[in-house]
């Protein structure tokens, strides 16, 4: 199950995507469909078929974003988080073999096409939550368990809204 948490910047990105799809992409595609339909026989009209399919995909994404944005809870940075791993933390961890990883814990809607962010639902993030500098924790995965140590914790400081 997806956690319904998101950073303010992640929420704004989804809102901007929805706005762009609704105001720009959908309008342009609807005009193309109308133009292609005016040419006559739709069964042989590749422009009509392609743009009609594209319009369905845009509408599907718009419906998803509208529903998802209603479900999400924005999490802003709080000074109480300092020194511990919570949502929004950028964490550096090291295992016993000296392998080091740095990642930011974010909502599941923010991780796509990024390799520096992991979902709060990921085993590594779940195991690290609440830990402090120099704490150790075990990550259990299908391939086995591994011991990690927290070597750095930082937060990108964002202001909570009033």
Protein backbone atom coordinates (compact mmCIF):
# COMPACT_ATOMS: atom_id res chain seq x y z
CA UNK A 1 0.00 0.00 0.00
CA UNK A 2 1.26 3.48 -0.88
CA UNK A 3 1.83 5.97 1.89
CA UNK A 4 -0.06 9.19 1.22
CA UNK A 5 2.78 11.53 2.22
CA UNK A 6 4.45 14.02 -0.10
CA UNK A 7 6.79 16.99 0.18
CA UNK A 8 5.50 20.44 -0.67
CA UNK A 9 7.69 20.58 -3.79
CA UNK A 10 6.46 17.15 -4.90
CA UNK A 11 2.85 18.23 -4.42
CA UNK A 12 3.44 21.39 -6.46
CA UNK A 13 5.00 19.34 -9.28
CA UNK A 14 1.91 17.12 -9.45
CA UNK A 15 -0.36 20.18 -9.37
CA UNK A 16 1.63 21.80 -12.18
CA UNK A 17 1.44 18.60 -14.23
CA UNK A 18 -2.34 18.49 -13.76
CA UNK A 19 -2.67 22.16 -14.70
CA UNK A 20 -0.51 21.70 -17.83
CA UNK A 21 -2.42 18.60 -18.92
CA UNK A 22 -5.79 20.31 -18.43
CA UNK A 23 -5.00 23.75 -19.85
CA UNK A 24 -2.49 22.93 -22.61
CA UNK A 25 -2.22 19.27 -23.63
CA UNK A 26 -5.92 18.45 -23.51
CA UNK A 27 -6.92 21.62 -25.37
CA UNK A 28 -4.34 21.06 -28.14
CA UNK A 29 -5.23 17.39 -28.52
CA UNK A 30 -8.98 18.13 -28.61
CA UNK A 31 -8.36 20.64 -31.42
CA UNK A 32 -6.36 18.03 -33.36
CA UNK A 33 -9.13 15.44 -32.92
CA UNK A 34 -11.74 17.93 -34.17
CA UNK A 35 -9.54 18.86 -37.15
CA UNK A 36 -8.87 15.20 -38.04
CA UNK A 37 -12.59 14.36 -37.70
CA UNK A 38 -13.46 17.18 -40.10
CA UNK A 39 -11.42 15.47 -42.82
CA UNK A 40 -14.03 12.78 -43.27
CA UNK A 41 -13.71 8.99 -42.96
CA UNK A 42 -12.45 8.35 -39.43
CA UNK A 43 -11.82 4.62 -39.92
CA UNK A 44 -8.86 5.33 -42.24
CA UNK A 45 -7.69 8.50 -40.50
CA UNK A 46 -4.44 7.88 -38.59
CA UNK A 47 -4.36 11.43 -37.16
CA UNK A 48 -7.83 10.98 -35.73
CA UNK A 49 -7.06 7.56 -34.21
CA UNK A 50 -3.72 8.65 -32.73
CA UNK A 51 -5.03 11.87 -31.19
CA UNK A 52 -8.18 10.20 -29.90
CA UNK A 53 -5.99 7.62 -28.11
CA UNK A 54 -3.73 10.39 -26.79
CA UNK A 55 -6.79 12.25 -25.49
CA UNK A 56 -7.92 9.12 -23.61
CA UNK A 57 -4.44 8.83 -22.01
CA UNK A 58 -4.47 12.51 -21.00
CA UNK A 59 -7.96 12.17 -19.50
CA UNK A 60 -6.89 9.05 -17.58
CA UNK A 61 -3.86 10.87 -16.12
CA UNK A 62 -6.00 13.91 -15.23
CA UNK A 63 -8.48 11.70 -13.35
CA UNK A 64 -5.63 9.95 -11.53
CA UNK A 65 -3.93 13.21 -10.52
CA UNK A 66 -7.17 14.81 -9.29
CA UNK A 67 -7.94 11.80 -7.12
CA UNK A 68 -4.35 11.40 -5.89
CA UNK A 69 -3.91 15.08 -4.97
CA UNK A 70 -7.00 14.82 -2.73
CA UNK A 71 -5.47 11.84 -0.89
CA UNK A 72 -2.01 13.29 -0.28
CA UNK A 73 -0.82 14.89 2.94
CA UNK A 74 1.95 17.48 2.60
CA UNK A 75 4.79 17.04 5.08
CA UNK A 76 6.89 20.13 5.79
CA UNK A 77 10.17 20.26 7.67
CA UNK A 78 9.95 20.79 11.42
CA UNK A 79 12.92 21.70 13.66
CA UNK A 80 11.91 18.77 15.91
CA UNK A 81 13.18 16.43 13.17
CA UNK A 82 16.81 17.59 13.53
CA UNK A 83 19.19 14.80 14.38
CA UNK A 84 16.81 11.98 13.49
CA UNK A 85 15.75 10.27 10.28
CA UNK A 86 12.20 11.17 9.25
CA UNK A 87 10.30 11.92 6.06
CA UNK A 88 12.29 14.40 3.95
CA UNK A 89 15.67 13.54 5.44
CA UNK A 90 18.72 13.14 3.25
CA UNK A 91 20.57 10.25 4.83
CA UNK A 92 24.01 8.78 4.28
CA UNK A 93 24.45 5.21 5.44
CA UNK A 94 27.37 2.78 5.35
CA UNK A 95 27.44 -0.99 5.69
CA UNK A 96 30.08 -3.24 7.26
CA UNK A 97 31.90 -3.62 3.92
CA UNK A 98 32.27 0.18 3.61
CA UNK A 99 29.62 0.61 0.90
CA UNK A 100 28.11 4.08 1.27
CA UNK A 101 24.69 5.21 0.04
CA UNK A 102 23.03 8.61 0.19
CA UNK A 103 19.31 9.06 -0.40
CA UNK A 104 16.39 11.30 0.46
CA UNK A 105 13.25 9.75 1.95
CA UNK A 106 10.23 10.92 -0.02
CA UNK A 107 6.70 9.92 -0.88
CA UNK A 108 6.03 7.20 -3.45
CA UNK A 109 4.81 9.81 -5.95
CA UNK A 110 8.20 11.58 -5.93
CA UNK A 111 10.66 8.78 -6.70
CA UNK A 112 10.18 8.28 -10.43
CA UNK A 113 13.09 9.01 -12.76
CA UNK A 114 15.36 9.80 -9.80
CA UNK A 115 18.11 7.67 -8.29
CA UNK A 116 18.81 9.88 -5.25
CA UNK A 117 15.36 9.39 -3.67
CA UNK A 118 13.70 6.36 -2.08
CA UNK A 119 10.11 5.86 -1.06
CA UNK A 120 9.19 5.99 2.60
CA UNK A 121 7.67 2.56 1.91
CA UNK A 122 11.06 1.05 0.90
CA UNK A 123 12.65 -1.41 3.37
CA UNK A 124 15.75 0.82 3.76
CA UNK A 125 13.65 3.89 4.62
CA UNK A 126 11.38 1.98 7.01
CA UNK A 127 14.38 0.54 8.88
CA UNK A 128 16.13 3.94 9.11
CA UNK A 129 13.13 5.93 10.42
CA UNK A 130 13.75 7.40 13.87
CA UNK A 131 17.46 6.58 13.87
CA UNK A 132 20.13 9.09 14.90
CA UNK A 133 23.70 9.71 13.84
CA UNK A 134 25.90 6.61 14.41
CA UNK A 135 22.86 4.36 15.04
CA UNK A 136 22.84 1.00 13.37
CA UNK A 137 19.87 -0.74 11.81
CA UNK A 138 19.12 -3.92 9.93
CA UNK A 139 17.43 -3.92 6.54
CA UNK A 140 15.56 -7.10 5.74
CA UNK A 141 15.05 -7.79 2.04
CA UNK A 142 14.19 -10.89 0.02
CA UNK A 143 17.93 -11.42 -0.57
CA UNK A 144 18.75 -11.32 3.16
CA UNK A 145 19.49 -8.96 6.01
CA UNK A 146 22.23 -6.35 6.07
CA UNK A 147 23.54 -4.09 8.83
CA UNK A 148 23.82 -0.34 8.07
CA UNK A 149 25.13 2.63 10.08
CA UNK A 150 23.80 6.20 9.86
CA UNK A 151 26.74 8.50 9.04
CA UNK A 152 24.93 11.74 8.12
CA UNK A 153 21.43 13.25 8.37
CA UNK A 154 20.37 16.54 6.83
CA UNK A 155 17.17 18.26 5.77
CA UNK A 156 16.53 20.62 2.92
CA UNK A 157 15.00 23.41 4.93
CA UNK A 158 11.51 24.26 3.73
CA UNK A 159 9.14 26.48 5.60
CA UNK A 160 5.86 25.06 6.85
CA UNK A 161 2.86 26.95 5.59
CA UNK A 162 0.77 28.93 8.03
